[in-house]
Protein backbone atom coordinates (compact mmCIF):
# COMPACT_ATOMS: atom_id res chain seq x y z
CA UNK A 1 0.00 0.00 0.00
CA UNK A 2 1.20 3.48 -0.80
CA UNK A 3 1.17 6.58 1.36
CA UNK A 4 -2.17 8.39 1.26
CA UNK A 5 -2.60 12.17 1.48
CA UNK A 6 -5.80 13.84 2.64
CA UNK A 7 -6.19 17.60 2.48
CA UNK A 8 -7.24 19.06 5.83
CA UNK A 9 -7.26 22.80 5.12
CA UNK A 10 -6.22 25.23 2.41
CA UNK A 11 -5.86 29.02 2.30
CA UNK A 12 -4.75 31.65 -0.20
CA UNK A 13 -2.98 34.91 0.56
CA UNK A 14 -1.07 37.49 -1.46
CA UNK A 15 2.02 35.34 -0.82
CA UNK A 16 0.46 32.22 -2.32
CA UNK A 17 -1.04 28.98 -1.09
CA UNK A 18 -0.86 27.40 2.37
CA UNK A 19 -1.99 23.78 2.68
CA UNK A 20 -2.37 21.50 5.68
CA UNK A 21 -2.71 17.84 4.82
CA UNK A 22 -2.65 14.51 6.60
CA UNK A 23 -0.15 11.86 5.55
CA UNK A 24 -1.20 8.27 6.21
CA UNK A 25 1.61 5.75 5.97
CA UNK A 26 0.57 2.07 6.17
CA UNK A 27 4.13 1.12 7.17
CA UNK A 28 3.54 2.88 10.52
CA UNK A 29 0.69 0.49 11.33
CA UNK A 30 -3.07 0.57 10.89
CA UNK A 31 -3.65 2.25 14.25
CA UNK A 32 -0.94 4.88 13.92
CA UNK A 33 -2.29 8.44 13.78
CA UNK A 34 -1.91 10.38 10.57
CA UNK A 35 0.92 12.90 10.28
CA UNK A 36 -0.02 16.52 9.67
CA UNK A 37 2.10 18.16 7.01
CA UNK A 38 2.39 21.87 6.22
CA UNK A 39 3.16 23.00 2.68
CA UNK A 40 3.56 26.53 1.32
CA UNK A 41 3.33 27.10 -2.44
CA UNK A 42 3.79 23.37 -2.92
CA UNK A 43 7.00 23.15 -0.86
CA UNK A 44 7.22 21.01 2.27
CA UNK A 45 7.77 23.13 5.38
CA UNK A 46 7.28 20.84 8.40
CA UNK A 47 5.19 18.05 9.83
CA UNK A 48 4.11 16.65 13.19
CA UNK A 49 6.31 13.55 12.97
CA UNK A 50 9.80 15.08 12.86
CA UNK A 51 9.85 18.05 15.24
CA UNK A 52 13.41 17.84 16.54
CA UNK A 53 14.75 20.69 14.39
CA UNK A 54 12.03 23.11 15.54
CA UNK A 55 12.67 22.17 19.16
CA UNK A 56 16.43 22.39 18.74
CA UNK A 57 16.50 26.05 17.70
CA UNK A 58 14.64 27.00 20.86
CA UNK A 59 16.59 24.77 23.25
CA UNK A 60 19.98 25.75 21.83
CA UNK A 61 19.25 29.48 21.81
CA UNK A 62 17.83 29.42 25.34
CA UNK A 63 21.03 27.78 26.57
CA UNK A 64 22.97 30.86 25.48
CA UNK A 65 20.81 33.50 27.20
CA UNK A 66 21.05 33.85 30.94
CA UNK A 67 17.70 35.60 31.53
CA UNK A 68 15.32 35.05 28.59
CA UNK A 69 12.39 36.84 30.20
CA UNK A 70 10.94 38.33 27.00
CA UNK A 71 11.26 36.29 23.80
CA UNK A 72 10.14 36.78 20.19
CA UNK A 73 9.71 33.89 17.77
CA UNK A 74 9.40 34.75 14.11
CA UNK A 75 7.18 32.08 12.57
CA UNK A 76 4.41 30.01 14.16
CA UNK A 77 4.43 27.00 11.86
CA UNK A 78 2.81 24.12 13.74
CA UNK A 79 3.87 25.53 17.08
CA UNK A 80 6.78 23.31 18.11
CA UNK A 81 9.44 26.03 18.44
CA UNK A 82 6.98 28.11 20.44
CA UNK A 83 6.11 25.15 22.66
CA UNK A 84 9.78 24.47 23.43
CA UNK A 85 10.31 28.11 24.42
CA UNK A 86 7.35 27.98 26.79
CA UNK A 87 8.77 24.86 28.43
CA UNK A 88 11.49 27.13 29.88
CA UNK A 89 10.08 28.61 33.07
CA UNK A 90 12.48 31.56 32.89
CA UNK A 91 10.38 32.89 30.00
CA UNK A 92 7.83 35.41 31.27
CA UNK A 93 6.53 36.69 27.93
CA UNK A 94 6.60 35.13 24.47
CA UNK A 95 5.52 36.94 21.32
CA UNK A 96 5.05 34.78 18.22
CA UNK A 97 4.88 36.72 14.96
CA UNK A 98 3.15 34.93 12.07
CA UNK A 99 2.27 36.50 8.72
CA UNK A 100 -0.18 33.81 7.59
CA UNK A 101 -3.52 34.34 9.34
CA UNK A 102 -4.69 30.88 8.28
CA UNK A 103 -1.98 29.18 10.33
CA UNK A 104 -3.00 31.08 13.44
CA UNK A 105 -6.66 30.24 12.81
CA UNK A 106 -5.95 26.53 12.31
CA UNK A 107 -3.99 26.40 15.54
CA UNK A 108 -6.73 28.20 17.45
CA UNK A 109 -9.74 26.29 16.15
CA UNK A 110 -8.27 22.80 16.54
CA UNK A 111 -7.69 22.09 12.86
CA UNK A 112 -4.19 21.42 14.19
CA UNK A 113 -5.27 19.18 17.10
CA UNK A 114 -2.56 20.24 19.55
CA UNK A 115 -3.04 23.91 18.66
CA UNK A 116 -5.52 25.05 21.34
CA UNK A 117 -3.48 23.49 24.15
CA UNK A 118 -0.25 25.01 22.84
CA UNK A 119 -1.83 28.47 22.60
CA UNK A 120 -3.41 28.34 26.06
CA UNK A 121 -0.29 29.50 27.94
CA UNK A 122 -1.01 32.91 29.48
CA UNK A 123 2.56 34.04 28.79
CA UNK A 124 1.92 33.83 25.04
CA UNK A 125 0.82 36.54 22.61
CA UNK A 126 0.41 35.70 18.92
CA UNK A 127 0.87 38.67 16.59
CA UNK A 128 -0.46 38.48 13.04
CA UNK A 129 2.17 40.44 11.12
CA UNK A 130 5.25 40.27 8.94
CA UNK A 131 8.29 39.86 11.20
CA UNK A 132 10.03 42.68 9.34
CA UNK A 133 7.26 45.10 10.24
CA UNK A 134 7.11 43.79 13.80
CA UNK A 135 10.83 44.42 14.31
CA UNK A 136 10.67 47.84 12.65
CA UNK A 137 7.91 48.85 15.07
CA UNK A 138 9.34 47.13 18.16
CA UNK A 139 10.10 49.05 21.32
CA UNK A 140 13.87 49.55 21.65
CA UNK A 141 15.62 47.20 24.08
CA UNK A 142 12.41 45.25 24.76
CA UNK A 143 13.52 41.63 24.28
CA UNK A 144 16.09 39.21 25.59
CA UNK A 145 15.95 36.74 22.71
CA UNK A 146 14.72 36.74 19.12
CA UNK A 147 14.41 33.40 17.33
CA UNK A 148 13.98 33.53 13.57
CA UNK A 149 12.29 30.34 12.38
CA UNK A 150 10.51 31.77 9.34
CA UNK A 151 12.42 29.75 6.74
CA UNK A 152 15.07 27.05 6.79
CA UNK A 153 17.67 29.76 6.46
CA UNK A 154 18.67 32.18 3.69
CA UNK A 155 19.22 29.37 1.19
CA UNK A 156 15.71 27.96 1.59
CA UNK A 157 13.27 30.86 1.89
CA UNK A 158 9.55 30.06 1.87
CA UNK A 159 8.82 33.37 0.10
CA UNK A 160 11.28 35.40 -1.97
CA UNK A 161 10.15 38.42 0.04
CA UNK A 162 11.87 36.86 3.08
CA UNK A 163 15.36 37.30 1.64
CA UNK A 164 15.89 40.71 3.39
CA UNK A 165 15.47 38.99 6.77
CA UNK A 166 19.07 37.83 6.46
CA UNK A 167 20.52 41.19 5.46
CA UNK A 168 21.91 44.21 7.28
CA UNK A 169 18.81 46.42 7.58
CA UNK A 170 16.66 43.79 9.28
CA UNK A 171 19.53 42.62 11.47
CA UNK A 172 20.01 46.22 12.63
CA UNK A 173 16.32 46.44 13.52
CA UNK A 174 16.53 43.18 15.45
CA UNK A 175 19.57 44.38 17.37
CA UNK A 176 17.86 47.64 18.30
CA UNK A 177 14.99 45.71 19.90
CA UNK A 178 17.31 43.60 22.06
CA UNK A 179 18.26 44.40 25.62
CA UNK A 180 21.96 44.45 26.57
CA UNK A 181 23.25 40.86 26.45
CA UNK A 182 20.19 39.83 24.45
CA UNK A 183 20.65 37.52 21.48
CA UNK A 184 19.38 36.89 17.96
CA UNK A 185 19.26 33.25 16.80
CA UNK A 186 18.61 32.29 13.18
CA UNK A 187 17.96 28.75 12.01
CA UNK A 188 19.56 27.50 8.79
CA UNK A 189 19.39 24.11 7.12
CA UNK A 190 22.91 24.59 5.76
CA UNK A 191 26.00 26.66 6.41
CA UNK A 192 25.65 30.27 5.29
CA UNK A 193 28.88 32.29 5.17
CA UNK A 194 26.98 35.34 3.92
CA UNK A 195 24.61 35.28 6.91
CA UNK A 196 27.50 34.80 9.30
CA UNK A 197 29.31 37.77 7.77
CA UNK A 198 26.22 40.01 7.89
CA UNK A 199 25.48 39.16 11.52
CA UNK A 200 29.11 39.72 12.42
CA UNK A 201 29.10 43.17 10.82
CA UNK A 202 25.96 44.22 12.71
CA UNK A 203 26.63 42.64 16.10
CA UNK A 204 30.41 42.44 16.14
CA UNK A 205 30.13 38.75 17.04
CA UNK A 206 28.45 35.62 15.75
CA UNK A 207 28.63 31.94 16.60
CA UNK A 208 27.78 29.23 14.07
CA UNK A 209 26.44 26.40 16.23
CA UNK A 210 26.09 22.98 14.57
CA UNK A 211 22.91 21.18 15.53
CA UNK A 212 22.63 17.43 14.96
CA UNK A 213 19.13 15.99 14.55
CA UNK A 214 17.77 12.59 13.55
CA UNK A 215 15.13 12.62 10.81
CA UNK A 216 13.48 9.31 9.89
CA UNK A 217 16.60 7.45 10.96
CA UNK A 218 18.97 9.80 9.13
CA UNK A 219 21.54 11.91 10.92
CA UNK A 220 21.38 15.50 9.72
CA UNK A 221 23.35 18.58 10.72
CA UNK A 222 21.71 21.97 10.74
CA UNK A 223 23.01 25.31 11.98
CA UNK A 224 22.02 28.03 14.38
CA UNK A 225 23.62 31.44 13.88
CA UNK A 226 23.61 33.31 17.17
CA UNK A 227 24.79 36.86 17.87
CA UNK A 228 24.71 38.79 21.14
CA UNK A 229 23.90 42.43 21.67
CA UNK A 230 27.11 43.05 23.55
C-alpha atoms as a PDB file:
ATOM      1  CA  UNK A   1       0.000   0.000   0.000  1.00  0.00           C
ATOM      2  CA  UNK A   2       1.202   3.482  -0.797  1.00  0.00           C
ATOM      3  CA  UNK A   3       1.173   6.584   1.356  1.00  0.00           C
ATOM      4  CA  UNK A   4      -2.171   8.393   1.258  1.00  0.00           C
ATOM      5  CA  UNK A   5      -2.598  12.166   1.482  1.00  0.00           C
ATOM      6  CA  UNK A   6      -5.797  13.836   2.638  1.00  0.00           C
ATOM      7  CA  UNK A   7      -6.192  17.605   2.479  1.00  0.00           C
ATOM      8  CA  UNK A   8      -7.236  19.057   5.828  1.00  0.00           C
ATOM      9  CA  UNK A   9      -7.260  22.801   5.118  1.00  0.00           C
ATOM     10  CA  UNK A  10      -6.222  25.235   2.409  1.00  0.00           C
ATOM     11  CA  UNK A  11      -5.863  29.018   2.297  1.00  0.00           C
ATOM     12  CA  UNK A  12      -4.746  31.645  -0.200  1.00  0.00           C
ATOM     13  CA  UNK A  13      -2.984  34.906   0.558  1.00  0.00           C
ATOM     14  CA  UNK A  14      -1.069  37.486  -1.463  1.00  0.00           C
ATOM     15  CA  UNK A  15       2.019  35.342  -0.822  1.00  0.00           C
ATOM     16  CA  UNK A  16       0.463  32.222  -2.316  1.00  0.00           C
ATOM     17  CA  UNK A  17      -1.042  28.978  -1.085  1.00  0.00           C
ATOM     18  CA  UNK A  18      -0.856  27.403   2.368  1.00  0.00           C
ATOM     19  CA  UNK A  19      -1.989  23.783   2.682  1.00  0.00           C
ATOM     20  CA  UNK A  20      -2.367  21.504   5.677  1.00  0.00           C
ATOM     21  CA  UNK A  21      -2.708  17.838   4.820  1.00  0.00           C
ATOM     22  CA  UNK A  22      -2.647  14.513   6.604  1.00  0.00           C
ATOM     23  CA  UNK A  23      -0.152  11.864   5.551  1.00  0.00           C
ATOM     24  CA  UNK A  24      -1.202   8.273   6.213  1.00  0.00           C
ATOM     25  CA  UNK A  25       1.607   5.745   5.970  1.00  0.00           C
ATOM     26  CA  UNK A  26       0.570   2.073   6.168  1.00  0.00           C
ATOM     27  CA  UNK A  27       4.132   1.123   7.170  1.00  0.00           C
ATOM     28  CA  UNK A  28       3.539   2.876  10.516  1.00  0.00           C
ATOM     29  CA  UNK A  29       0.686   0.489  11.329  1.00  0.00           C
ATOM     30  CA  UNK A  30      -3.067   0.569  10.894  1.00  0.00           C
ATOM     31  CA  UNK A  31      -3.648   2.253  14.251  1.00  0.00           C
ATOM     32  CA  UNK A  32      -0.937   4.883  13.923  1.00  0.00           C
ATOM     33  CA  UNK A  33      -2.288   8.438  13.784  1.00  0.00           C
ATOM     34  CA  UNK A  34      -1.907  10.384  10.573  1.00  0.00           C
ATOM     35  CA  UNK A  35       0.916  12.900  10.279  1.00  0.00           C
ATOM     36  CA  UNK A  36      -0.022  16.520   9.672  1.00  0.00           C
ATOM     37  CA  UNK A  37       2.104  18.162   7.011  1.00  0.00           C
ATOM     38  CA  UNK A  38       2.389  21.869   6.222  1.00  0.00           C
ATOM     39  CA  UNK A  39       3.157  23.000   2.681  1.00  0.00           C
ATOM     40  CA  UNK A  40       3.559  26.528   1.319  1.00  0.00           C
ATOM     41  CA  UNK A  41       3.333  27.098  -2.436  1.00  0.00           C
ATOM     42  CA  UNK A  42       3.794  23.373  -2.919  1.00  0.00           C
ATOM     43  CA  UNK A  43       7.000  23.150  -0.864  1.00  0.00           C
ATOM     44  CA  UNK A  44       7.225  21.006   2.271  1.00  0.00           C
ATOM     45  CA  UNK A  45       7.766  23.132   5.378  1.00  0.00           C
ATOM     46  CA  UNK A  46       7.283  20.844   8.399  1.00  0.00           C
ATOM     47  CA  UNK A  47       5.190  18.053   9.834  1.00  0.00           C
ATOM     48  CA  UNK A  48       4.112  16.650  13.195  1.00  0.00           C
ATOM     49  CA  UNK A  49       6.314  13.546  12.971  1.00  0.00           C
ATOM     50  CA  UNK A  50       9.795  15.079  12.863  1.00  0.00           C
ATOM     51  CA  UNK A  51       9.848  18.053  15.236  1.00  0.00           C
ATOM     52  CA  UNK A  52      13.410  17.844  16.537  1.00  0.00           C
ATOM     53  CA  UNK A  53      14.752  20.686  14.394  1.00  0.00           C
ATOM     54  CA  UNK A  54      12.026  23.105  15.541  1.00  0.00           C
ATOM     55  CA  UNK A  55      12.667  22.173  19.159  1.00  0.00           C
ATOM     56  CA  UNK A  56      16.430  22.394  18.735  1.00  0.00           C
ATOM     57  CA  UNK A  57      16.504  26.054  17.699  1.00  0.00           C
ATOM     58  CA  UNK A  58      14.639  26.996  20.864  1.00  0.00           C
ATOM     59  CA  UNK A  59      16.591  24.769  23.248  1.00  0.00           C
ATOM     60  CA  UNK A  60      19.978  25.754  21.826  1.00  0.00           C
ATOM     61  CA  UNK A  61      19.248  29.481  21.808  1.00  0.00           C
ATOM     62  CA  UNK A  62      17.831  29.423  25.341  1.00  0.00           C
ATOM     63  CA  UNK A  63      21.034  27.778  26.574  1.00  0.00           C
ATOM     64  CA  UNK A  64      22.968  30.864  25.478  1.00  0.00           C
ATOM     65  CA  UNK A  65      20.813  33.503  27.200  1.00  0.00           C
ATOM     66  CA  UNK A  66      21.051  33.853  30.941  1.00  0.00           C
ATOM     67  CA  UNK A  67      17.701  35.600  31.530  1.00  0.00           C
ATOM     68  CA  UNK A  68      15.320  35.052  28.587  1.00  0.00           C
ATOM     69  CA  UNK A  69      12.391  36.838  30.201  1.00  0.00           C
ATOM     70  CA  UNK A  70      10.937  38.327  26.999  1.00  0.00           C
ATOM     71  CA  UNK A  71      11.257  36.289  23.798  1.00  0.00           C
ATOM     72  CA  UNK A  72      10.141  36.783  20.192  1.00  0.00           C
ATOM     73  CA  UNK A  73       9.713  33.886  17.771  1.00  0.00           C
ATOM     74  CA  UNK A  74       9.402  34.754  14.109  1.00  0.00           C
ATOM     75  CA  UNK A  75       7.181  32.083  12.568  1.00  0.00           C
ATOM     76  CA  UNK A  76       4.413  30.008  14.162  1.00  0.00           C
ATOM     77  CA  UNK A  77       4.427  27.005  11.859  1.00  0.00           C
ATOM     78  CA  UNK A  78       2.813  24.124  13.743  1.00  0.00           C
ATOM     79  CA  UNK A  79       3.873  25.529  17.083  1.00  0.00           C
ATOM     80  CA  UNK A  80       6.783  23.314  18.112  1.00  0.00           C
ATOM     81  CA  UNK A  81       9.437  26.029  18.437  1.00  0.00           C
ATOM     82  CA  UNK A  82       6.983  28.114  20.435  1.00  0.00           C
ATOM     83  CA  UNK A  83       6.112  25.148  22.662  1.00  0.00           C
ATOM     84  CA  UNK A  84       9.776  24.472  23.430  1.00  0.00           C
ATOM     85  CA  UNK A  85      10.310  28.112  24.420  1.00  0.00           C
ATOM     86  CA  UNK A  86       7.345  27.982  26.789  1.00  0.00           C
ATOM     87  CA  UNK A  87       8.768  24.862  28.430  1.00  0.00           C
ATOM     88  CA  UNK A  88      11.487  27.131  29.878  1.00  0.00           C
ATOM     89  CA  UNK A  89      10.078  28.612  33.070  1.00  0.00           C
ATOM     90  CA  UNK A  90      12.480  31.558  32.885  1.00  0.00           C
ATOM     91  CA  UNK A  91      10.377  32.889  30.000  1.00  0.00           C
ATOM     92  CA  UNK A  92       7.834  35.414  31.270  1.00  0.00           C
ATOM     93  CA  UNK A  93       6.531  36.687  27.929  1.00  0.00           C
ATOM     94  CA  UNK A  94       6.595  35.128  24.474  1.00  0.00           C
ATOM     95  CA  UNK A  95       5.523  36.944  21.323  1.00  0.00           C
ATOM     96  CA  UNK A  96       5.049  34.784  18.223  1.00  0.00           C
ATOM     97  CA  UNK A  97       4.881  36.721  14.955  1.00  0.00           C
ATOM     98  CA  UNK A  98       3.146  34.930  12.065  1.00  0.00           C
ATOM     99  CA  UNK A  99       2.273  36.505   8.719  1.00  0.00           C
ATOM    100  CA  UNK A 100      -0.184  33.806   7.592  1.00  0.00           C
ATOM    101  CA  UNK A 101      -3.516  34.340   9.341  1.00  0.00           C
ATOM    102  CA  UNK A 102      -4.686  30.878   8.282  1.00  0.00           C
ATOM    103  CA  UNK A 103      -1.981  29.178  10.334  1.00  0.00           C
ATOM    104  CA  UNK A 104      -3.000  31.085  13.443  1.00  0.00           C
ATOM    105  CA  UNK A 105      -6.658  30.245  12.814  1.00  0.00           C
ATOM    106  CA  UNK A 106      -5.948  26.526  12.306  1.00  0.00           C
ATOM    107  CA  UNK A 107      -3.986  26.396  15.538  1.00  0.00           C
ATOM    108  CA  UNK A 108      -6.728  28.203  17.454  1.00  0.00           C
ATOM    109  CA  UNK A 109      -9.735  26.295  16.152  1.00  0.00           C
ATOM    110  CA  UNK A 110      -8.265  22.802  16.537  1.00  0.00           C
ATOM    111  CA  UNK A 111      -7.693  22.089  12.857  1.00  0.00           C
ATOM    112  CA  UNK A 112      -4.192  21.422  14.191  1.00  0.00           C
ATOM    113  CA  UNK A 113      -5.267  19.176  17.101  1.00  0.00           C
ATOM    114  CA  UNK A 114      -2.556  20.239  19.546  1.00  0.00           C
ATOM    115  CA  UNK A 115      -3.036  23.914  18.663  1.00  0.00           C
ATOM    116  CA  UNK A 116      -5.524  25.048  21.343  1.00  0.00           C
ATOM    117  CA  UNK A 117      -3.482  23.493  24.151  1.00  0.00           C
ATOM    118  CA  UNK A 118      -0.245  25.012  22.844  1.00  0.00           C
ATOM    119  CA  UNK A 119      -1.833  28.468  22.597  1.00  0.00           C
ATOM    120  CA  UNK A 120      -3.405  28.341  26.062  1.00  0.00           C
ATOM    121  CA  UNK A 121      -0.286  29.497  27.939  1.00  0.00           C
ATOM    122  CA  UNK A 122      -1.013  32.908  29.479  1.00  0.00           C
ATOM    123  CA  UNK A 123       2.558  34.041  28.792  1.00  0.00           C
ATOM    124  CA  UNK A 124       1.924  33.826  25.038  1.00  0.00           C
ATOM    125  CA  UNK A 125       0.821  36.536  22.611  1.00  0.00           C
ATOM    126  CA  UNK A 126       0.407  35.701  18.921  1.00  0.00           C
ATOM    127  CA  UNK A 127       0.868  38.668  16.586  1.00  0.00           C
ATOM    128  CA  UNK A 128      -0.464  38.482  13.043  1.00  0.00           C
ATOM    129  CA  UNK A 129       2.171  40.439  11.124  1.00  0.00           C
ATOM    130  CA  UNK A 130       5.247  40.275   8.941  1.00  0.00           C
ATOM    131  CA  UNK A 131       8.287  39.860  11.202  1.00  0.00           C
ATOM    132  CA  UNK A 132      10.028  42.684   9.337  1.00  0.00           C
ATOM    133  CA  UNK A 133       7.256  45.100  10.240  1.00  0.00           C
ATOM    134  CA  UNK A 134       7.112  43.795  13.799  1.00  0.00           C
ATOM    135  CA  UNK A 135      10.825  44.421  14.314  1.00  0.00           C
ATOM    136  CA  UNK A 136      10.667  47.839  12.649  1.00  0.00           C
ATOM    137  CA  UNK A 137       7.910  48.855  15.068  1.00  0.00           C
ATOM    138  CA  UNK A 138       9.345  47.131  18.157  1.00  0.00           C
ATOM    139  CA  UNK A 139      10.097  49.054  21.318  1.00  0.00           C
ATOM    140  CA  UNK A 140      13.866  49.546  21.650  1.00  0.00           C
ATOM    141  CA  UNK A 141      15.622  47.198  24.079  1.00  0.00           C
ATOM    142  CA  UNK A 142      12.413  45.250  24.758  1.00  0.00           C
ATOM    143  CA  UNK A 143      13.517  41.632  24.277  1.00  0.00           C
ATOM    144  CA  UNK A 144      16.094  39.214  25.590  1.00  0.00           C
ATOM    145  CA  UNK A 145      15.951  36.740  22.713  1.00  0.00           C
ATOM    146  CA  UNK A 146      14.724  36.744  19.119  1.00  0.00           C
ATOM    147  CA  UNK A 147      14.406  33.404  17.328  1.00  0.00           C
ATOM    148  CA  UNK A 148      13.981  33.530  13.570  1.00  0.00           C
ATOM    149  CA  UNK A 149      12.290  30.337  12.377  1.00  0.00           C
ATOM    150  CA  UNK A 150      10.507  31.765   9.345  1.00  0.00           C
ATOM    151  CA  UNK A 151      12.424  29.752   6.744  1.00  0.00           C
ATOM    152  CA  UNK A 152      15.074  27.053   6.786  1.00  0.00           C
ATOM    153  CA  UNK A 153      17.672  29.762   6.457  1.00  0.00           C
ATOM    154  CA  UNK A 154      18.672  32.183   3.692  1.00  0.00           C
ATOM    155  CA  UNK A 155      19.216  29.369   1.194  1.00  0.00           C
ATOM    156  CA  UNK A 156      15.705  27.962   1.588  1.00  0.00           C
ATOM    157  CA  UNK A 157      13.268  30.860   1.893  1.00  0.00           C
ATOM    158  CA  UNK A 158       9.549  30.060   1.870  1.00  0.00           C
ATOM    159  CA  UNK A 159       8.816  33.370   0.098  1.00  0.00           C
ATOM    160  CA  UNK A 160      11.279  35.404  -1.968  1.00  0.00           C
ATOM    161  CA  UNK A 161      10.151  38.422   0.045  1.00  0.00           C
ATOM    162  CA  UNK A 162      11.868  36.860   3.081  1.00  0.00           C
ATOM    163  CA  UNK A 163      15.365  37.303   1.643  1.00  0.00           C
ATOM    164  CA  UNK A 164      15.887  40.709   3.385  1.00  0.00           C
ATOM    165  CA  UNK A 165      15.472  38.993   6.771  1.00  0.00           C
ATOM    166  CA  UNK A 166      19.071  37.831   6.458  1.00  0.00           C
ATOM    167  CA  UNK A 167      20.516  41.188   5.461  1.00  0.00           C
ATOM    168  CA  UNK A 168      21.910  44.206   7.278  1.00  0.00           C
ATOM    169  CA  UNK A 169      18.813  46.420   7.581  1.00  0.00           C
ATOM    170  CA  UNK A 170      16.662  43.788   9.276  1.00  0.00           C
ATOM    171  CA  UNK A 171      19.528  42.623  11.469  1.00  0.00           C
ATOM    172  CA  UNK A 172      20.006  46.219  12.627  1.00  0.00           C
ATOM    173  CA  UNK A 173      16.318  46.436  13.521  1.00  0.00           C
ATOM    174  CA  UNK A 174      16.529  43.184  15.447  1.00  0.00           C
ATOM    175  CA  UNK A 175      19.573  44.384  17.367  1.00  0.00           C
ATOM    176  CA  UNK A 176      17.865  47.643  18.304  1.00  0.00           C
ATOM    177  CA  UNK A 177      14.989  45.710  19.897  1.00  0.00           C
ATOM    178  CA  UNK A 178      17.311  43.598  22.064  1.00  0.00           C
ATOM    179  CA  UNK A 179      18.265  44.399  25.625  1.00  0.00           C
ATOM    180  CA  UNK A 180      21.956  44.452  26.569  1.00  0.00           C
ATOM    181  CA  UNK A 181      23.249  40.860  26.454  1.00  0.00           C
ATOM    182  CA  UNK A 182      20.191  39.825  24.446  1.00  0.00           C
ATOM    183  CA  UNK A 183      20.648  37.521  21.476  1.00  0.00           C
ATOM    184  CA  UNK A 184      19.383  36.886  17.963  1.00  0.00           C
ATOM    185  CA  UNK A 185      19.261  33.251  16.797  1.00  0.00           C
ATOM    186  CA  UNK A 186      18.608  32.286  13.181  1.00  0.00           C
ATOM    187  CA  UNK A 187      17.959  28.751  12.007  1.00  0.00           C
ATOM    188  CA  UNK A 188      19.561  27.503   8.792  1.00  0.00           C
ATOM    189  CA  UNK A 189      19.386  24.114   7.117  1.00  0.00           C
ATOM    190  CA  UNK A 190      22.907  24.592   5.756  1.00  0.00           C
ATOM    191  CA  UNK A 191      25.998  26.660   6.413  1.00  0.00           C
ATOM    192  CA  UNK A 192      25.651  30.271   5.286  1.00  0.00           C
ATOM    193  CA  UNK A 193      28.879  32.288   5.168  1.00  0.00           C
ATOM    194  CA  UNK A 194      26.978  35.343   3.924  1.00  0.00           C
ATOM    195  CA  UNK A 195      24.609  35.283   6.910  1.00  0.00           C
ATOM    196  CA  UNK A 196      27.503  34.802   9.300  1.00  0.00           C
ATOM    197  CA  UNK A 197      29.310  37.775   7.771  1.00  0.00           C
ATOM    198  CA  UNK A 198      26.218  40.014   7.893  1.00  0.00           C
ATOM    199  CA  UNK A 199      25.476  39.160  11.520  1.00  0.00           C
ATOM    200  CA  UNK A 200      29.110  39.725  12.419  1.00  0.00           C
ATOM    201  CA  UNK A 201      29.100  43.167  10.817  1.00  0.00           C
ATOM    202  CA  UNK A 202      25.964  44.216  12.712  1.00  0.00           C
ATOM    203  CA  UNK A 203      26.629  42.643  16.101  1.00  0.00           C
ATOM    204  CA  UNK A 204      30.412  42.436  16.139  1.00  0.00           C
ATOM    205  CA  UNK A 205      30.133  38.752  17.041  1.00  0.00           C
ATOM    206  CA  UNK A 206      28.450  35.622  15.754  1.00  0.00           C
ATOM    207  CA  UNK A 207      28.628  31.939  16.602  1.00  0.00           C
ATOM    208  CA  UNK A 208      27.779  29.229  14.073  1.00  0.00           C
ATOM    209  CA  UNK A 209      26.437  26.399  16.225  1.00  0.00           C
ATOM    210  CA  UNK A 210      26.090  22.979  14.566  1.00  0.00           C
ATOM    211  CA  UNK A 211      22.910  21.177  15.526  1.00  0.00           C
ATOM    212  CA  UNK A 212      22.627  17.426  14.965  1.00  0.00           C
ATOM    213  CA  UNK A 213      19.132  15.987  14.550  1.00  0.00           C
ATOM    214  CA  UNK A 214      17.775  12.589  13.549  1.00  0.00           C
ATOM    215  CA  UNK A 215      15.129  12.622  10.814  1.00  0.00           C
ATOM    216  CA  UNK A 216      13.482   9.310   9.886  1.00  0.00           C
ATOM    217  CA  UNK A 217      16.595   7.449  10.955  1.00  0.00           C
ATOM    218  CA  UNK A 218      18.971   9.803   9.129  1.00  0.00           C
ATOM    219  CA  UNK A 219      21.536  11.911  10.923  1.00  0.00           C
ATOM    220  CA  UNK A 220      21.375  15.499   9.721  1.00  0.00           C
ATOM    221  CA  UNK A 221      23.349  18.583  10.719  1.00  0.00           C
ATOM    222  CA  UNK A 222      21.707  21.969  10.735  1.00  0.00           C
ATOM    223  CA  UNK A 223      23.007  25.313  11.978  1.00  0.00           C
ATOM    224  CA  UNK A 224      22.016  28.033  14.381  1.00  0.00           C
ATOM    225  CA  UNK A 225      23.622  31.440  13.884  1.00  0.00           C
ATOM    226  CA  UNK A 226      23.611  33.309  17.170  1.00  0.00           C
ATOM    227  CA  UNK A 227      24.792  36.859  17.871  1.00  0.00           C
ATOM    228  CA  UNK A 228      24.715  38.789  21.142  1.00  0.00           C
ATOM    229  CA  UNK A 229      23.904  42.433  21.669  1.00  0.00           C
ATOM    230  CA  UNK A 230      27.111  43.051  23.552  1.00  0.00           C
END
